[in-house]
Protein backbone atom coordinates (compact mmCIF):
# COMPACT_ATOMS: atom_id res chain seq x y z
CA UNK A 1 -0.41 -0.35 -0.34
CA UNK A 2 1.12 3.34 -1.07
CA UNK A 3 2.38 5.79 1.87
CA UNK A 4 0.53 8.71 2.63
CA UNK A 5 1.58 11.96 2.28
CA UNK A 6 3.73 14.33 4.39
CA UNK A 7 2.39 17.63 4.67
CA UNK A 8 4.87 19.66 3.06
CA UNK A 9 5.69 21.97 6.11
CA UNK A 10 6.44 19.28 7.91
CA UNK A 11 9.10 17.73 5.01
CA UNK A 12 10.36 21.36 5.32
CA UNK A 13 11.05 21.04 8.96
CA UNK A 14 12.44 17.51 8.71
CA UNK A 15 14.80 18.68 5.87
CA UNK A 16 15.69 22.10 6.75
CA UNK A 17 14.74 23.48 10.12
CA UNK A 18 14.09 27.70 10.11
CA UNK A 19 13.89 27.84 6.66
CA UNK A 20 12.14 30.83 5.53
CA UNK A 21 10.02 31.33 2.76
CA UNK A 22 11.55 32.49 -0.93
CA UNK A 23 9.47 35.87 -1.91
CA UNK A 24 8.32 33.99 -5.08
CA UNK A 25 4.31 34.80 -5.80
CA UNK A 26 1.94 33.70 -8.54
CA UNK A 27 -1.02 35.95 -9.71
CA UNK A 28 -4.70 34.86 -8.82
CA UNK A 29 -5.48 34.71 -12.48
CA UNK A 30 -9.52 34.86 -14.26
CA UNK A 31 -11.79 33.67 -12.46
CA UNK A 32 -12.27 29.64 -12.35
CA UNK A 33 -8.48 29.11 -13.99
CA UNK A 34 -7.35 29.80 -17.48
CA UNK A 35 -10.00 27.53 -18.45
CA UNK A 36 -13.44 28.96 -16.83
CA UNK A 37 -14.23 25.38 -15.13
CA UNK A 38 -16.97 25.95 -13.28
CA UNK A 39 -15.50 25.51 -9.78
CA UNK A 40 -12.37 26.13 -9.55
CA UNK A 41 -11.72 29.09 -7.35
CA UNK A 42 -13.92 26.73 -4.63
CA UNK A 43 -12.26 23.49 -4.71
CA UNK A 44 -8.88 26.13 -4.42
CA UNK A 45 -10.32 27.96 -1.64
CA UNK A 46 -11.19 24.33 -0.18
CA UNK A 47 -7.58 23.16 -0.65
CA UNK A 48 -6.56 26.54 1.22
CA UNK A 49 -8.52 25.57 4.18
CA UNK A 50 -7.03 22.31 4.60
CA UNK A 51 -3.86 22.46 3.68
CA UNK A 52 -3.15 25.97 5.62
CA UNK A 53 -1.06 26.55 1.82
CA UNK A 54 -1.96 29.17 -0.96
CA UNK A 55 -0.76 26.66 -3.25
CA UNK A 56 0.48 23.32 -4.02
CA UNK A 57 4.03 23.88 -4.33
CA UNK A 58 5.87 25.63 -0.87
CA UNK A 59 9.80 27.40 -2.14
CA UNK A 60 12.17 28.51 0.70
CA UNK A 61 15.65 28.90 1.18
CA UNK A 62 17.83 27.34 4.31
CA UNK A 63 20.52 25.77 5.49
CA UNK A 64 20.30 21.59 5.08
CA UNK A 65 22.82 20.64 7.37
CA UNK A 66 25.80 22.41 6.08
CA UNK A 67 24.24 23.76 2.67
CA UNK A 68 22.17 25.91 2.01
CA UNK A 69 20.08 25.16 -0.37
CA UNK A 70 16.89 26.42 -2.03
CA UNK A 71 13.67 23.52 -1.34
CA UNK A 72 11.12 22.85 -2.95
CA UNK A 73 8.55 20.93 -1.58
CA UNK A 74 4.63 19.77 -2.82
CA UNK A 75 2.14 19.69 -0.55
CA UNK A 76 -0.23 16.57 -1.77
CA UNK A 77 -3.29 18.09 0.37
CA UNK A 78 -4.01 20.83 -2.58
CA UNK A 79 -5.30 19.53 -4.61
CA UNK A 80 -2.77 16.40 -4.29
CA UNK A 81 0.13 18.59 -5.66
CA UNK A 82 -0.36 19.17 -8.60
CA UNK A 83 0.79 21.55 -11.25
CA UNK A 84 -0.92 24.00 -12.61
CA UNK A 85 -0.04 27.80 -13.72
CA UNK A 86 0.83 29.47 -10.39
CA UNK A 87 2.31 25.97 -9.16
CA UNK A 88 4.62 25.99 -12.36
CA UNK A 89 5.30 29.75 -11.54
CA UNK A 90 6.90 29.59 -8.31
CA UNK A 91 8.62 26.51 -9.04
CA UNK A 92 10.37 28.27 -11.99
CA UNK A 93 11.52 31.25 -9.66
CA UNK A 94 12.15 29.75 -7.25
CA UNK A 95 14.68 27.13 -9.71
CA UNK A 96 16.06 31.15 -11.08
CA UNK A 97 16.63 32.09 -6.74
CA UNK A 98 19.20 29.07 -6.88
CA UNK A 99 20.62 30.28 -9.89
CA UNK A 100 21.22 33.49 -9.67
CA UNK A 101 22.72 33.38 -5.47
CA UNK A 102 24.24 29.56 -6.32
CA UNK A 103 22.47 27.53 -3.90
CA UNK A 104 21.53 23.69 -4.66
CA UNK A 105 17.92 22.59 -5.05
CA UNK A 106 16.46 19.71 -2.64
CA UNK A 107 13.95 19.58 -4.40
CA UNK A 108 11.67 17.68 -1.77
CA UNK A 109 7.70 16.00 -3.79
CA UNK A 110 4.57 14.28 -3.24
CA UNK A 111 2.68 15.04 -6.64
CA UNK A 112 -0.02 13.56 -8.39
CA UNK A 113 1.04 15.14 -11.87
CA UNK A 114 -0.28 18.70 -13.66
CA UNK A 115 -3.20 19.95 -12.51
CA UNK A 116 -6.42 19.23 -15.22
CA UNK A 117 -8.49 21.79 -14.75
CA UNK A 118 -6.37 24.27 -16.18
CA UNK A 119 -5.74 22.28 -19.29
CA UNK A 120 -2.44 22.82 -21.80
CA UNK A 121 -2.07 25.39 -19.16
CA UNK A 122 -1.31 23.56 -17.43
CA UNK A 123 1.15 20.62 -18.65
CA UNK A 124 3.00 23.51 -20.48
CA UNK A 125 4.30 24.30 -17.04
CA UNK A 126 6.28 21.33 -17.48
CA UNK A 127 8.15 23.19 -20.27
CA UNK A 128 8.71 25.86 -18.15
CA UNK A 129 11.05 23.85 -15.40
CA UNK A 130 12.87 21.99 -17.98
CA UNK A 131 13.82 24.69 -19.27
CA UNK A 132 15.00 26.45 -15.45
CA UNK A 133 16.10 23.16 -14.69
CA UNK A 134 18.02 22.95 -17.14
CA UNK A 135 20.18 26.34 -16.51
CA UNK A 136 20.27 25.29 -12.85
CA UNK A 137 22.47 22.18 -14.70
CA UNK A 138 24.75 24.85 -16.82
CA UNK A 139 25.39 26.53 -14.29
CA UNK A 140 26.68 23.84 -11.79
CA UNK A 141 24.35 23.91 -9.51
CA UNK A 142 23.59 20.45 -8.02
CA UNK A 143 19.54 19.26 -7.75
CA UNK A 144 18.29 16.58 -5.04
CA UNK A 145 15.05 15.31 -5.17
CA UNK A 146 13.35 13.35 -2.24
CA UNK A 147 9.87 11.43 -3.14
CA UNK A 148 7.98 11.41 -0.18
CA UNK A 149 4.06 11.32 -1.22
CA UNK A 150 3.52 10.13 -5.02
CA UNK A 151 5.07 10.90 -7.14
CA UNK A 152 3.57 10.73 -10.93
CA UNK A 153 3.04 12.00 -14.65
CA UNK A 154 4.88 15.77 -14.62
CA UNK A 155 6.20 15.44 -11.16
CA UNK A 156 7.83 12.57 -11.85
CA UNK A 157 9.41 13.01 -15.24
CA UNK A 158 10.76 16.51 -14.50
CA UNK A 159 11.89 17.39 -10.62
CA UNK A 160 11.64 13.89 -10.35
CA UNK A 161 12.85 11.76 -12.88
CA UNK A 162 15.29 14.80 -14.04
CA UNK A 163 17.42 15.32 -9.94
CA UNK A 164 20.77 14.55 -10.47
CA UNK A 165 20.26 12.72 -7.34
CA UNK A 166 16.65 10.89 -6.71
CA UNK A 167 16.46 9.25 -2.67
CA UNK A 168 12.50 7.61 -2.25
CA UNK A 169 10.55 6.79 1.04
CA UNK A 170 9.59 3.39 1.75
CA UNK A 171 6.64 1.94 0.08
CA UNK A 172 5.76 5.99 -1.60
CA UNK A 173 3.82 5.40 -5.36
CA UNK A 174 5.88 6.69 -8.02
CA UNK A 175 5.93 6.28 -11.81
CA UNK A 176 4.96 8.61 -14.82
CA UNK A 177 1.40 6.79 -15.22
CA UNK A 178 -1.62 7.84 -12.18
CA UNK A 179 -3.36 5.49 -10.31
CA UNK A 180 -6.87 6.44 -11.72
CA UNK A 181 -5.02 6.43 -15.40
CA UNK A 182 -3.33 2.51 -15.26
CA UNK A 183 -4.16 0.49 -17.70
CA UNK A 184 -6.68 -2.06 -15.89
CA UNK A 185 -4.41 -5.19 -14.54
CA UNK A 186 -1.49 -3.41 -14.18
CA UNK A 187 0.51 -4.91 -10.90
CA UNK A 188 0.81 -1.86 -8.05
CA UNK A 189 4.28 -3.14 -7.14
CA UNK A 190 5.68 -1.44 -10.16
CA UNK A 191 4.71 2.10 -9.55
CA UNK A 192 6.11 1.78 -6.60
CA UNK A 193 10.01 3.43 -5.38
CA UNK A 194 10.97 -0.26 -4.55
CA UNK A 195 10.60 -0.97 -8.72
CA UNK A 196 11.78 2.68 -9.58
CA UNK A 197 14.97 1.50 -7.56
CA UNK A 198 15.00 -2.03 -8.86
CA UNK A 199 14.98 -0.14 -12.60
CA UNK A 200 17.89 2.22 -11.96
CA UNK A 201 15.69 5.11 -11.39
CA UNK A 202 15.81 5.94 -7.23
CA UNK A 203 19.15 5.87 -6.07
CA UNK A 204 18.56 5.47 -2.40
CA UNK A 205 15.40 4.09 -0.65
CA UNK A 206 15.20 6.44 2.89
CA UNK A 207 13.34 5.80 5.92
CA UNK A 208 11.40 9.11 6.94
CA UNK A 209 14.06 9.51 10.77
CA UNK A 210 16.79 8.67 8.38
CA UNK A 211 16.44 11.28 6.12
CA UNK A 212 17.54 14.62 7.31
CA UNK A 213 20.84 13.23 7.62
CA UNK A 214 20.54 11.45 3.90
CA UNK A 215 20.17 14.32 2.31
CA UNK A 216 22.79 16.46 3.95
CA UNK A 217 25.41 13.85 3.51
CA UNK A 218 24.12 13.41 -0.46
CA UNK A 219 24.65 17.73 -0.35
CA UNK A 220 27.86 18.17 0.85
CA UNK A 221 29.17 14.56 -1.30
CA UNK A 222 27.45 17.08 -4.49
CA UNK A 223 29.46 20.63 -3.38
CA UNK A 224 32.79 20.18 -1.75
CA UNK A 225 34.24 18.21 -4.62
CA UNK A 226 37.83 17.00 -4.30
CA UNK A 227 41.07 19.64 -5.11
CA UNK A 228 42.48 17.97 -7.98
CA UNK A 229 43.12 14.41 -9.64
CA UNK A 230 42.10 11.51 -7.46
CA UNK A 231 45.31 9.40 -6.68
CA UNK A 232 45.69 5.98 -7.31
CA UNK A 233 44.48 3.46 -3.72
CA UNK A 234 47.46 1.28 -3.29
CA UNK A 235 46.51 -2.45 -1.77
CA UNK A 236 48.99 -4.92 -0.32
CA UNK A 237 49.13 -7.93 -1.63
CA UNK A 238 49.65 -7.22 -5.10
CA UNK A 239 52.85 -8.84 -5.01
CA UNK A 240 56.08 -8.73 -7.61
CA UNK A 241 54.73 -7.91 -11.44
CA UNK A 242 54.26 -10.95 -13.49
CA UNK A 243 57.09 -12.84 -15.17
CA UNK A 244 54.76 -14.03 -18.24
CA UNK A 245 52.49 -12.48 -19.95
CA UNK A 246 49.63 -15.82 -19.50
CA UNK A 247 51.03 -15.54 -15.62
CA UNK A 248 49.39 -11.92 -15.92
CA UNK A 249 46.43 -13.26 -16.99
CA UNK A 250 46.10 -15.95 -14.19
CA UNK A 251 46.46 -13.34 -11.87
CA UNK A 252 44.04 -10.86 -13.25
CA UNK A 253 42.14 -13.93 -13.16
CA UNK A 254 42.49 -14.74 -9.91
CA UNK A 255 40.07 -14.21 -6.34
CA UNK A 256 42.37 -13.89 -4.00
CA UNK A 257 44.09 -10.65 -5.12
CA UNK A 258 42.83 -7.74 -4.27
CA UNK A 259 39.87 -6.28 -5.95
CA UNK A 260 37.36 -2.91 -6.93
CA UNK A 261 35.70 -3.05 -3.32
CA UNK A 262 39.42 -3.52 -1.56
CA UNK A 263 40.58 -0.49 -3.93
CA UNK A 264 37.34 1.49 -2.77
CA UNK A 265 37.77 1.20 1.17
CA UNK A 266 41.62 2.72 0.55
CA UNK A 267 40.79 5.20 -1.61
CA UNK A 268 37.67 6.62 0.59
CA UNK A 269 36.34 6.65 4.12
CA UNK A 270 32.20 6.80 3.25
CA UNK A 271 30.46 5.89 0.03
CA UNK A 272 27.37 6.69 -1.27
CA UNK A 273 26.25 4.59 -3.90
CA UNK A 274 23.69 5.15 -6.99
CA UNK A 275 21.07 3.48 -8.79
CA UNK A 276 23.41 1.05 -11.33
CA UNK A 277 20.95 -1.94 -12.79
CA UNK A 278 24.75 -3.63 -13.48
CA UNK A 279 26.12 -6.22 -10.42
CA UNK A 280 29.47 -6.30 -11.68
CA UNK A 281 29.63 -2.53 -11.24
CA UNK A 282 30.03 0.14 -8.47
CA UNK A 283 29.14 3.67 -9.03
CA UNK A 284 28.57 6.48 -7.04
CA UNK A 285 29.99 9.82 -4.65
CA UNK A 286 33.06 8.52 -2.05
CA UNK A 287 34.35 11.19 0.32
CA UNK A 288 38.44 11.38 1.84
CA UNK A 289 39.11 13.67 3.94
CA UNK A 290 35.81 15.92 3.67
CA UNK A 291 35.90 15.98 0.18
CA UNK A 292 34.42 14.35 -2.58
CA UNK A 293 35.04 12.23 -5.73
CA UNK A 294 33.42 10.19 -8.01
CA UNK A 295 34.31 6.56 -8.83
CA UNK A 296 33.66 3.44 -11.64
CA UNK A 297 34.74 0.09 -10.44
CA UNK A 298 34.69 -2.76 -12.27
CA UNK A 299 34.00 -6.19 -10.73
CA UNK A 300 35.20 -8.33 -12.79
CA UNK A 301 31.98 -8.89 -15.28
CA UNK A 302 31.73 -8.28 -18.86
CA UNK A 303 29.60 -5.00 -17.73
CA UNK A 304 25.94 -4.97 -19.65
CA UNK A 305 25.20 -1.36 -21.58
CA UNK A 306 22.78 -0.24 -18.71
CA UNK A 307 26.48 -0.36 -17.08
CA UNK A 308 27.49 1.29 -18.93
CA UNK A 309 24.68 4.07 -18.90
CA UNK A 310 25.58 4.46 -15.03
CA UNK A 311 28.62 4.99 -16.01
CA UNK A 312 28.02 7.43 -18.25
CA UNK A 313 26.05 9.71 -15.65
CA UNK A 314 28.30 9.33 -13.19
CA UNK A 315 30.61 11.09 -15.69
CA UNK A 316 28.42 13.15 -16.54
CA UNK A 317 27.58 14.39 -13.41
CA UNK A 318 30.64 14.47 -12.07
CA UNK A 319 32.21 16.22 -14.68
CA UNK A 320 28.55 19.19 -14.34
CA UNK A 321 29.78 19.26 -10.75
CA UNK A 322 33.23 20.56 -10.76
CA UNK A 323 34.19 16.88 -8.57
CA UNK A 324 37.41 14.49 -9.93
CA UNK A 325 36.57 11.11 -10.76
CA UNK A 326 38.08 7.28 -10.18
CA UNK A 327 37.43 4.75 -12.19
CA UNK A 328 38.43 1.22 -11.10
CA UNK A 329 38.59 -1.08 -14.24
CA UNK A 330 38.77 -5.34 -14.24
CA UNK A 331 36.45 -6.43 -17.00
CA UNK A 332 37.26 -9.32 -19.29
CA UNK A 333 34.93 -6.86 -21.55
CA UNK A 334 31.94 -5.67 -22.92
CA UNK A 335 28.36 -7.70 -22.79
CA UNK A 336 28.11 -9.59 -25.99
CA UNK A 337 25.84 -11.53 -25.87
CA UNK A 338 22.33 -11.15 -27.31
CA UNK A 339 20.93 -9.14 -25.04
CA UNK A 340 23.76 -6.92 -24.55
CA UNK A 341 22.90 -6.38 -28.66
CA UNK A 342 19.40 -5.72 -28.50
CA UNK A 343 19.78 -3.15 -25.69
CA UNK A 344 22.84 -1.72 -27.52
CA UNK A 345 25.84 -2.87 -26.24
CA UNK A 346 28.06 -0.47 -28.35
CA UNK A 347 25.52 2.47 -28.93
CA UNK A 348 26.03 2.43 -24.89
CA UNK A 349 29.84 2.09 -24.87
CA UNK A 350 30.85 5.01 -27.10
CA UNK A 351 28.21 7.11 -25.24
CA UNK A 352 30.32 6.15 -22.33
CA UNK A 353 33.32 6.46 -23.86
CA UNK A 354 33.13 9.75 -25.63
CA UNK A 355 31.27 11.31 -21.74
CA UNK A 356 35.18 10.82 -20.32
CA UNK A 357 36.99 11.88 -23.86
CA UNK A 358 34.91 15.22 -22.83
CA UNK A 359 35.31 15.35 -19.03
CA UNK A 360 36.64 18.52 -18.01
CA UNK A 361 37.73 17.15 -14.44
CA UNK A 362 40.76 14.62 -13.35
CA UNK A 363 39.85 11.44 -13.91
CA UNK A 364 41.91 8.32 -12.79
CA UNK A 365 42.06 4.95 -13.65
CA UNK A 366 43.43 1.75 -11.55
CA UNK A 367 43.33 -1.66 -13.72
CA UNK A 368 42.61 -4.09 -10.61
CA UNK A 369 42.47 -6.85 -12.77
CA UNK A 370 41.37 -7.97 -16.40
CA UNK A 371 41.53 -5.36 -18.64
CA UNK A 372 39.48 -6.20 -21.50
CA UNK A 373 39.24 -4.77 -24.60
CA UNK A 374 36.35 -2.01 -25.34
CA UNK A 375 35.19 -3.18 -21.95
CA UNK A 376 37.81 -1.79 -20.21
CA UNK A 377 38.82 1.24 -22.67
CA UNK A 378 35.94 2.63 -21.96
CA UNK A 379 35.89 3.46 -18.08
CA UNK A 380 39.03 4.66 -18.98
CA UNK A 381 41.49 7.71 -18.67
CA UNK A 382 43.73 8.26 -21.51
CA UNK A 383 46.78 10.24 -19.68
CA UNK A 384 45.88 9.15 -16.72
CA UNK A 385 46.64 5.74 -15.48
CA UNK A 386 48.02 3.08 -13.38
CA UNK A 387 47.95 -0.88 -12.72
CA UNK A 388 47.96 -2.99 -10.37
CA UNK A 389 51.28 -5.87 -10.19
CA UNK A 390 48.26 -8.42 -10.61
CA UNK A 391 46.50 -6.58 -13.66
CA UNK A 392 46.39 -6.61 -17.88
CA UNK A 393 45.49 -4.10 -20.26
CA UNK A 394 45.11 -5.57 -23.73
CA UNK A 395 43.49 -4.85 -26.54
CA UNK A 396 41.90 -8.32 -26.46
CA UNK A 397 41.33 -10.64 -23.53
CA UNK A 398 44.03 -13.79 -25.09
CA UNK A 399 41.96 -16.29 -25.76
CA UNK A 400 39.27 -14.38 -28.65
CA UNK A 401 42.58 -12.83 -29.97
CA UNK A 402 43.76 -16.29 -30.06
CA UNK A 403 40.09 -17.20 -32.33
CA UNK A 404 40.52 -13.78 -34.22
CA UNK A 405 43.94 -14.69 -35.37
CA UNK A 406 43.16 -18.13 -35.98
CA UNK A 407 44.64 -19.91 -33.18
CA UNK A 408 44.30 -23.06 -32.08
CA UNK A 409 42.15 -21.88 -28.63
CA UNK A 410 41.91 -25.63 -27.25
CA UNK A 411 45.77 -25.48 -27.22
CA UNK A 412 47.01 -23.31 -23.87
CA UNK A 413 50.22 -23.34 -25.40
CA UNK A 414 48.77 -21.20 -28.36
CA UNK A 415 46.44 -19.01 -25.85
CA UNK A 416 49.81 -18.16 -23.89
CA UNK A 417 51.35 -17.13 -26.64
CA UNK A 418 49.56 -14.96 -27.68
CA UNK A 419 49.29 -13.34 -24.29
CA UNK A 420 53.43 -13.01 -24.69
CA UNK A 421 52.98 -11.17 -28.04
CA UNK A 422 50.02 -8.81 -26.76
CA UNK A 423 52.38 -7.18 -24.06
CA UNK A 424 49.84 -7.10 -21.24
CA UNK A 425 51.49 -7.80 -18.15
CA UNK A 426 51.61 -4.32 -16.22
CA UNK A 427 55.50 -3.67 -16.81
CA UNK A 428 55.04 -3.99 -19.82
CA UNK A 429 52.59 -1.35 -20.32
CA UNK A 430 54.30 0.71 -18.31
CA UNK A 431 57.72 0.56 -20.52
CA UNK A 432 55.49 1.09 -23.69
CA UNK A 433 54.09 4.62 -22.20
CA UNK A 434 50.26 3.35 -21.15
CA UNK A 435 50.81 3.84 -18.03
CA UNK A 436 51.74 5.87 -15.60
CA UNK A 437 53.45 2.88 -13.22
CA UNK A 438 52.30 0.36 -11.30
CA UNK A 439 50.83 1.07 -7.84
CA UNK A 440 50.74 -1.12 -5.02
């Protein structure tokens, strides 16, 4: 069952106690709204009396933890938190104020979408909101959304799904279609925060008691970037570099050598994961000594199209907010099965590799295991690559490389010979100028 929406002022008091109203007013408009909808003014008056708010959106400025922010809170008790011209004007004005004051935005959402009684005058407010969100992004300011009540329709498709980070209270109804307009027989479980989290559209489910700390923690990560590139995190236990190419491959595939999780634990004091539907990839922001950096870490499996898209999201977000990035490479390559092709693995790799190429922030790469083909190079910084003793980096893993060269892949010596000729050992990569050094 969907959780009831909390009043806007309760949300504001929990997240930013002592916040003050923003001077963003609105025009009353013609009688019964722009369409002259019979009884619309009376419905608004009743909604105001019940909720104590003059409109469906409350705009404030206040401190969230240690960070000042502009806050938008939706009052679901005012006509279901729906967006009409007055609410759209408030949202647009608040986003412009955030840009003028150089402040991040926190949206506390509980909205049933656009207001039917205002027709297309309401629906076009989504374009107004989207335009101001684009300008906020261009100014390098973060936007955090909290899905705190039913969030459907235009509220989800703009301020919700369009935010940089999306948190949700468990049990919240979330989806593009509201309960009254879904196909008959639709599974209500598909329209929940839990379902959206499973699909990679919600970054974290946060309980009410933990919400203030979670919002403050995320804002700190989004607004306090580390200065300069992330140093490659060394982890003990790598040993000496391998003697042969095949030994390099075998060590990179060994479950005993330190993996990406061990390196993340050394690099950061705290990790805040972002949504990623690929179980073989970790994506998020990490904090070290009070400063933040982004991370993308492969866990030794083939990276899926959804994984590459999650990585692209992180890289573009970090670049826009001037946050440096650490990538940890460990994959035999990109997923190459039928499902991956149907889901556009080539296009997903292209998006990731171009996002890295376009990044203005420093990106550091550490190859911690297998560095196979395009799946590895898509997450590799072009000029700041480090390797560990238990890693290799190659145009192809030895087996597919042997197949391309028409060698007998069933013959271990033939595969080992190809591995030697590829010069994929960590010390070979340093000698050829492809890596800066061996870490660990």
